[in-house]
């Protein structure tokens, strides 16, 4: 069944002849649903603006604080600020990680709760957390909740890939965004997969964390 589902998205996206040229050279992508949303968000925050190698080191140090296990929100909040700073996090990132933990305790981040929400409802819910912007929420929808139809229009990697693949005009940012949205409409309901293949094509499958745009944090 899973194989047939993958073939279905490939068949649909291949209707776009330009996109088909890059998809046929890549392996199909299977989305994964994760249960520990708190851990995923914290790891995402820690990786912001860092190379994959450095982010992995910091995340492992983070787990080592809790004997190699994923900490509970309460454990995070009970960890001294300087102890979290000591693994290589900035003051802002420590605050953001604590914000995620506090939000889970007060409002809830259960994956079952989030799965009941629409994409936009999830984004509105998560962006209440200072340190979590729209881009991070979109990545969570794709790679933690396994949503198939998410289009990260503001992602720098997606923008650069589509500019190159479709020859888009980059002089007017608003116009560029509109062109991208129009093109992406034909990919629905599999826009997440289209994004994955565009990232792979543009960056030779390097980790998507590097393509994170600067978010406006409230």
C-alpha atoms as a PDB file:
ATOM      1  CA  UNK A   1       0.000   0.000   0.000  1.00  0.00           C
ATOM      2  CA  UNK A   2       2.785   2.432   0.916  1.00  0.00           C
ATOM      3  CA  UNK A   3       4.563   1.719  -2.372  1.00  0.00           C
ATOM      4  CA  UNK A   4       1.379   2.351  -4.354  1.00  0.00           C
ATOM      5  CA  UNK A   5       0.896   5.629  -2.494  1.00  0.00           C
ATOM      6  CA  UNK A   6       4.410   6.761  -3.398  1.00  0.00           C
ATOM      7  CA  UNK A   7       3.859   5.872  -7.036  1.00  0.00           C
ATOM      8  CA  UNK A   8       0.621   7.867  -6.996  1.00  0.00           C
ATOM      9  CA  UNK A   9       2.328  11.097  -5.914  1.00  0.00           C
ATOM     10  CA  UNK A  10       5.085  10.587  -8.494  1.00  0.00           C
ATOM     11  CA  UNK A  11       2.527  10.079 -11.256  1.00  0.00           C
ATOM     12  CA  UNK A  12       0.661  13.210 -10.212  1.00  0.00           C
ATOM     13  CA  UNK A  13       3.735  15.460  -9.930  1.00  0.00           C
ATOM     14  CA  UNK A  14       5.114  14.131 -13.213  1.00  0.00           C
ATOM     15  CA  UNK A  15       2.309  15.966 -15.019  1.00  0.00           C
ATOM     16  CA  UNK A  16       4.603  18.974 -14.525  1.00  0.00           C
ATOM     17  CA  UNK A  17       7.206  18.202 -17.206  1.00  0.00           C
ATOM     18  CA  UNK A  18       9.905  20.363 -15.615  1.00  0.00           C
ATOM     19  CA  UNK A  19       9.427  18.774 -12.222  1.00  0.00           C
ATOM     20  CA  UNK A  20       9.289  15.305 -13.795  1.00  0.00           C
ATOM     21  CA  UNK A  21      12.841  15.732 -15.130  1.00  0.00           C
ATOM     22  CA  UNK A  22      14.255  15.956 -11.603  1.00  0.00           C
ATOM     23  CA  UNK A  23      11.903  13.465  -9.918  1.00  0.00           C
ATOM     24  CA  UNK A  24      12.772  10.575 -12.238  1.00  0.00           C
ATOM     25  CA  UNK A  25      16.432  10.893 -11.211  1.00  0.00           C
ATOM     26  CA  UNK A  26      15.645  10.609  -7.486  1.00  0.00           C
ATOM     27  CA  UNK A  27      14.317   7.983  -5.114  1.00  0.00           C
ATOM     28  CA  UNK A  28      10.708   8.303  -3.891  1.00  0.00           C
ATOM     29  CA  UNK A  29      10.312   9.998  -0.521  1.00  0.00           C
ATOM     30  CA  UNK A  30       8.300   8.533   2.328  1.00  0.00           C
ATOM     31  CA  UNK A  31       6.942  10.904   4.972  1.00  0.00           C
ATOM     32  CA  UNK A  32       7.253   9.951   8.637  1.00  0.00           C
ATOM     33  CA  UNK A  33       4.888  10.770  11.481  1.00  0.00           C
ATOM     34  CA  UNK A  34       6.558  11.480  14.823  1.00  0.00           C
ATOM     35  CA  UNK A  35       5.033  11.384  18.283  1.00  0.00           C
ATOM     36  CA  UNK A  36       7.347  13.590  20.361  1.00  0.00           C
ATOM     37  CA  UNK A  37       6.558  17.035  18.972  1.00  0.00           C
ATOM     38  CA  UNK A  38       8.338  18.762  21.863  1.00  0.00           C
ATOM     39  CA  UNK A  39      11.625  17.052  20.994  1.00  0.00           C
ATOM     40  CA  UNK A  40      11.235  17.795  17.279  1.00  0.00           C
ATOM     41  CA  UNK A  41      10.585  21.493  17.886  1.00  0.00           C
ATOM     42  CA  UNK A  42      13.486  21.831  20.317  1.00  0.00           C
ATOM     43  CA  UNK A  43      15.856  20.119  17.888  1.00  0.00           C
ATOM     44  CA  UNK A  44      14.642  22.390  15.093  1.00  0.00           C
ATOM     45  CA  UNK A  45      15.255  25.507  17.194  1.00  0.00           C
ATOM     46  CA  UNK A  46      18.744  24.310  18.137  1.00  0.00           C
ATOM     47  CA  UNK A  47      19.644  23.750  14.483  1.00  0.00           C
ATOM     48  CA  UNK A  48      18.621  27.219  13.294  1.00  0.00           C
ATOM     49  CA  UNK A  49      21.368  28.926  11.272  1.00  0.00           C
ATOM     50  CA  UNK A  50      23.831  26.087  11.938  1.00  0.00           C
ATOM     51  CA  UNK A  51      25.428  23.474   9.714  1.00  0.00           C
ATOM     52  CA  UNK A  52      24.053  19.965  10.063  1.00  0.00           C
ATOM     53  CA  UNK A  53      27.294  18.752  11.664  1.00  0.00           C
ATOM     54  CA  UNK A  54      27.325  21.422  14.377  1.00  0.00           C
ATOM     55  CA  UNK A  55      23.584  21.045  15.008  1.00  0.00           C
ATOM     56  CA  UNK A  56      23.992  17.290  15.491  1.00  0.00           C
ATOM     57  CA  UNK A  57      26.772  17.813  18.027  1.00  0.00           C
ATOM     58  CA  UNK A  58      24.709  20.283  20.047  1.00  0.00           C
ATOM     59  CA  UNK A  59      21.645  18.049  19.968  1.00  0.00           C
ATOM     60  CA  UNK A  60      23.671  15.090  21.238  1.00  0.00           C
ATOM     61  CA  UNK A  61      25.037  17.238  24.072  1.00  0.00           C
ATOM     62  CA  UNK A  62      21.432  18.165  24.838  1.00  0.00           C
ATOM     63  CA  UNK A  63      20.407  14.508  25.118  1.00  0.00           C
ATOM     64  CA  UNK A  64      23.510  13.749  27.193  1.00  0.00           C
ATOM     65  CA  UNK A  65      22.173  16.148  29.835  1.00  0.00           C
ATOM     66  CA  UNK A  66      19.364  13.649  30.325  1.00  0.00           C
ATOM     67  CA  UNK A  67      21.375  10.407  30.108  1.00  0.00           C
ATOM     68  CA  UNK A  68      20.824  10.125  26.365  1.00  0.00           C
ATOM     69  CA  UNK A  69      17.030  10.164  26.624  1.00  0.00           C
ATOM     70  CA  UNK A  70      14.513  12.698  25.314  1.00  0.00           C
ATOM     71  CA  UNK A  71      13.632  14.975  28.247  1.00  0.00           C
ATOM     72  CA  UNK A  72      10.126  15.755  29.395  1.00  0.00           C
ATOM     73  CA  UNK A  73       8.966  19.385  29.338  1.00  0.00           C
ATOM     74  CA  UNK A  74       9.238  19.480  33.130  1.00  0.00           C
ATOM     75  CA  UNK A  75      12.834  18.255  33.020  1.00  0.00           C
ATOM     76  CA  UNK A  76      13.714  20.972  30.519  1.00  0.00           C
ATOM     77  CA  UNK A  77      12.234  23.690  32.716  1.00  0.00           C
ATOM     78  CA  UNK A  78      14.035  22.320  35.771  1.00  0.00           C
ATOM     79  CA  UNK A  79      17.400  22.423  33.968  1.00  0.00           C
ATOM     80  CA  UNK A  80      19.504  25.442  34.909  1.00  0.00           C
ATOM     81  CA  UNK A  81      19.698  28.136  32.230  1.00  0.00           C
ATOM     82  CA  UNK A  82      23.508  28.107  32.279  1.00  0.00           C
ATOM     83  CA  UNK A  83      23.567  24.340  31.913  1.00  0.00           C
ATOM     84  CA  UNK A  84      21.637  24.637  28.647  1.00  0.00           C
ATOM     85  CA  UNK A  85      23.875  27.514  27.581  1.00  0.00           C
ATOM     86  CA  UNK A  86      26.847  25.263  28.253  1.00  0.00           C
ATOM     87  CA  UNK A  87      26.007  22.860  25.409  1.00  0.00           C
ATOM     88  CA  UNK A  88      26.433  25.653  22.864  1.00  0.00           C
ATOM     89  CA  UNK A  89      23.030  27.335  22.778  1.00  0.00           C
ATOM     90  CA  UNK A  90      22.643  31.113  22.658  1.00  0.00           C
ATOM     91  CA  UNK A  91      20.605  32.912  25.309  1.00  0.00           C
ATOM     92  CA  UNK A  92      17.760  33.289  22.801  1.00  0.00           C
ATOM     93  CA  UNK A  93      17.725  29.588  21.907  1.00  0.00           C
ATOM     94  CA  UNK A  94      17.669  28.545  25.551  1.00  0.00           C
ATOM     95  CA  UNK A  95      14.663  30.792  26.047  1.00  0.00           C
ATOM     96  CA  UNK A  96      12.965  29.381  22.952  1.00  0.00           C
ATOM     97  CA  UNK A  97      13.523  25.770  24.051  1.00  0.00           C
ATOM     98  CA  UNK A  98      12.084  26.611  27.455  1.00  0.00           C
ATOM     99  CA  UNK A  99       9.159  28.351  25.733  1.00  0.00           C
ATOM    100  CA  UNK A 100       8.354  25.134  23.857  1.00  0.00           C
ATOM    101  CA  UNK A 101       8.463  23.103  27.069  1.00  0.00           C
ATOM    102  CA  UNK A 102       6.299  25.611  28.916  1.00  0.00           C
ATOM    103  CA  UNK A 103       3.785  25.714  26.058  1.00  0.00           C
ATOM    104  CA  UNK A 104       3.426  21.939  26.063  1.00  0.00           C
ATOM    105  CA  UNK A 105       2.693  21.905  29.789  1.00  0.00           C
ATOM    106  CA  UNK A 106       0.217  24.775  29.579  1.00  0.00           C
ATOM    107  CA  UNK A 107      -1.488  24.203  26.207  1.00  0.00           C
ATOM    108  CA  UNK A 108      -0.393  20.794  24.929  1.00  0.00           C
ATOM    109  CA  UNK A 109       1.692  19.536  22.015  1.00  0.00           C
ATOM    110  CA  UNK A 110       0.331  16.016  21.754  1.00  0.00           C
ATOM    111  CA  UNK A 111       0.668  14.707  18.197  1.00  0.00           C
ATOM    112  CA  UNK A 112      -2.910  13.403  18.290  1.00  0.00           C
ATOM    113  CA  UNK A 113      -4.177  16.882  19.147  1.00  0.00           C
ATOM    114  CA  UNK A 114      -2.224  18.468  16.296  1.00  0.00           C
ATOM    115  CA  UNK A 115      -3.301  15.809  13.796  1.00  0.00           C
ATOM    116  CA  UNK A 116      -6.912  16.867  14.308  1.00  0.00           C
ATOM    117  CA  UNK A 117      -6.061  20.416  13.159  1.00  0.00           C
ATOM    118  CA  UNK A 118      -5.828  21.708   9.602  1.00  0.00           C
ATOM    119  CA  UNK A 119      -2.427  22.873   8.346  1.00  0.00           C
ATOM    120  CA  UNK A 120      -3.247  26.516   8.951  1.00  0.00           C
ATOM    121  CA  UNK A 121      -4.658  25.779  12.399  1.00  0.00           C
ATOM    122  CA  UNK A 122      -1.409  24.018  13.343  1.00  0.00           C
ATOM    123  CA  UNK A 123       0.616  27.014  12.130  1.00  0.00           C
ATOM    124  CA  UNK A 124      -1.521  29.488  14.079  1.00  0.00           C
ATOM    125  CA  UNK A 125      -1.314  27.286  17.166  1.00  0.00           C
ATOM    126  CA  UNK A 126       2.458  26.781  17.109  1.00  0.00           C
ATOM    127  CA  UNK A 127       3.413  30.347  16.225  1.00  0.00           C
ATOM    128  CA  UNK A 128       2.006  31.426  19.579  1.00  0.00           C
ATOM    129  CA  UNK A 129       5.324  30.108  20.931  1.00  0.00           C
ATOM    130  CA  UNK A 130       8.022  32.766  20.850  1.00  0.00           C
ATOM    131  CA  UNK A 131      10.843  31.194  18.860  1.00  0.00           C
ATOM    132  CA  UNK A 132       8.607  29.216  16.517  1.00  0.00           C
ATOM    133  CA  UNK A 133       7.794  30.938  13.235  1.00  0.00           C
ATOM    134  CA  UNK A 134       5.774  29.950  10.186  1.00  0.00           C
ATOM    135  CA  UNK A 135       8.723  28.197   8.471  1.00  0.00           C
ATOM    136  CA  UNK A 136       9.421  25.983  11.490  1.00  0.00           C
ATOM    137  CA  UNK A 137       5.710  25.168  11.702  1.00  0.00           C
ATOM    138  CA  UNK A 138       5.629  24.229   8.017  1.00  0.00           C
ATOM    139  CA  UNK A 139       8.648  21.953   8.470  1.00  0.00           C
ATOM    140  CA  UNK A 140       6.907  20.315  11.428  1.00  0.00           C
ATOM    141  CA  UNK A 141       3.807  19.745   9.313  1.00  0.00           C
ATOM    142  CA  UNK A 142       5.946  18.056   6.669  1.00  0.00           C
ATOM    143  CA  UNK A 143       8.447  16.085   8.700  1.00  0.00           C
ATOM    144  CA  UNK A 144       6.793  15.467  12.069  1.00  0.00           C
ATOM    145  CA  UNK A 145       3.090  15.276  11.226  1.00  0.00           C
ATOM    146  CA  UNK A 146       3.620  13.807   7.758  1.00  0.00           C
ATOM    147  CA  UNK A 147       1.299  16.221   5.941  1.00  0.00           C
ATOM    148  CA  UNK A 148       1.475  15.693   2.171  1.00  0.00           C
ATOM    149  CA  UNK A 149       0.238  19.057   0.930  1.00  0.00           C
ATOM    150  CA  UNK A 150       2.430  21.785   2.447  1.00  0.00           C
ATOM    151  CA  UNK A 151       4.199  24.376   0.295  1.00  0.00           C
ATOM    152  CA  UNK A 152       7.011  26.374   1.934  1.00  0.00           C
ATOM    153  CA  UNK A 153       6.825  29.412  -0.329  1.00  0.00           C
ATOM    154  CA  UNK A 154       9.193  31.488   1.837  1.00  0.00           C
ATOM    155  CA  UNK A 155      11.899  28.818   2.040  1.00  0.00           C
ATOM    156  CA  UNK A 156      15.091  30.083   0.403  1.00  0.00           C
ATOM    157  CA  UNK A 157      16.002  26.669  -0.989  1.00  0.00           C
ATOM    158  CA  UNK A 158      12.592  26.257  -2.644  1.00  0.00           C
ATOM    159  CA  UNK A 159      12.762  29.785  -4.040  1.00  0.00           C
ATOM    160  CA  UNK A 160      16.218  29.261  -5.537  1.00  0.00           C
ATOM    161  CA  UNK A 161      15.255  25.878  -6.972  1.00  0.00           C
ATOM    162  CA  UNK A 162      12.113  27.196  -8.638  1.00  0.00           C
ATOM    163  CA  UNK A 163      13.900  30.273  -9.970  1.00  0.00           C
ATOM    164  CA  UNK A 164      16.401  27.990 -11.670  1.00  0.00           C
ATOM    165  CA  UNK A 165      13.964  25.297 -12.821  1.00  0.00           C
ATOM    166  CA  UNK A 166      11.213  27.600 -14.102  1.00  0.00           C
ATOM    167  CA  UNK A 167      13.264  30.670 -15.032  1.00  0.00           C
ATOM    168  CA  UNK A 168      11.298  32.940 -12.699  1.00  0.00           C
ATOM    169  CA  UNK A 169      11.881  36.678 -12.468  1.00  0.00           C
ATOM    170  CA  UNK A 170      13.568  37.577  -9.181  1.00  0.00           C
ATOM    171  CA  UNK A 171      13.404  41.375  -9.454  1.00  0.00           C
ATOM    172  CA  UNK A 172      10.003  41.657  -7.772  1.00  0.00           C
ATOM    173  CA  UNK A 173       9.750  39.523  -4.611  1.00  0.00           C
ATOM    174  CA  UNK A 174       5.977  39.831  -4.448  1.00  0.00           C
ATOM    175  CA  UNK A 175       5.650  38.746  -8.084  1.00  0.00           C
ATOM    176  CA  UNK A 176       8.051  35.853  -7.482  1.00  0.00           C
ATOM    177  CA  UNK A 177       5.939  34.632  -4.599  1.00  0.00           C
ATOM    178  CA  UNK A 178       2.779  34.842  -6.710  1.00  0.00           C
ATOM    179  CA  UNK A 179       4.417  32.887  -9.548  1.00  0.00           C
ATOM    180  CA  UNK A 180       5.575  30.184  -7.148  1.00  0.00           C
ATOM    181  CA  UNK A 181       2.099  29.799  -5.654  1.00  0.00           C
ATOM    182  CA  UNK A 182       0.505  29.526  -9.104  1.00  0.00           C
ATOM    183  CA  UNK A 183       2.986  26.830 -10.181  1.00  0.00           C
ATOM    184  CA  UNK A 184       2.569  24.926  -6.909  1.00  0.00           C
ATOM    185  CA  UNK A 185      -1.215  24.740  -7.270  1.00  0.00           C
ATOM    186  CA  UNK A 186      -0.856  22.028  -9.918  1.00  0.00           C
ATOM    187  CA  UNK A 187       1.155  19.916  -7.445  1.00  0.00           C
ATOM    188  CA  UNK A 188      -1.641  19.768  -4.862  1.00  0.00           C
ATOM    189  CA  UNK A 189      -2.402  17.538  -2.957  1.00  0.00           C
ATOM    190  CA  UNK A 190       1.275  16.477  -2.946  1.00  0.00           C
ATOM    191  CA  UNK A 191       3.159  19.741  -2.559  1.00  0.00           C
ATOM    192  CA  UNK A 192       5.268  18.442   0.335  1.00  0.00           C
ATOM    193  CA  UNK A 193       6.817  15.822  -1.943  1.00  0.00           C
ATOM    194  CA  UNK A 194       7.457  18.454  -4.602  1.00  0.00           C
ATOM    195  CA  UNK A 195       9.357  20.524  -2.023  1.00  0.00           C
ATOM    196  CA  UNK A 196      11.441  17.512  -0.983  1.00  0.00           C
ATOM    197  CA  UNK A 197      12.457  16.772  -4.570  1.00  0.00           C
ATOM    198  CA  UNK A 198      13.260  20.436  -5.229  1.00  0.00           C
ATOM    199  CA  UNK A 199      15.491  20.544  -2.134  1.00  0.00           C
ATOM    200  CA  UNK A 200      17.276  17.382  -3.216  1.00  0.00           C
ATOM    201  CA  UNK A 201      17.788  18.675  -6.746  1.00  0.00           C
ATOM    202  CA  UNK A 202      19.058  22.085  -5.717  1.00  0.00           C
ATOM    203  CA  UNK A 203      21.276  20.990  -2.850  1.00  0.00           C
ATOM    204  CA  UNK A 204      22.266  17.428  -3.698  1.00  0.00           C
ATOM    205  CA  UNK A 205      20.230  16.067  -0.761  1.00  0.00           C
ATOM    206  CA  UNK A 206      21.975  18.167   1.877  1.00  0.00           C
ATOM    207  CA  UNK A 207      19.997  18.648   5.080  1.00  0.00           C
ATOM    208  CA  UNK A 208      17.076  21.067   4.694  1.00  0.00           C
ATOM    209  CA  UNK A 209      18.007  22.855   7.921  1.00  0.00           C
ATOM    210  CA  UNK A 210      20.503  24.902   5.943  1.00  0.00           C
ATOM    211  CA  UNK A 211      17.693  26.393   3.911  1.00  0.00           C
ATOM    212  CA  UNK A 212      15.937  27.942   6.855  1.00  0.00           C
ATOM    213  CA  UNK A 213      15.033  31.611   6.219  1.00  0.00           C
ATOM    214  CA  UNK A 214      15.268  34.164   8.978  1.00  0.00           C
ATOM    215  CA  UNK A 215      11.912  34.144  10.708  1.00  0.00           C
ATOM    216  CA  UNK A 216      10.253  37.097  12.326  1.00  0.00           C
ATOM    217  CA  UNK A 217       9.999  36.104  15.968  1.00  0.00           C
ATOM    218  CA  UNK A 218       7.413  37.953  17.978  1.00  0.00           C
END
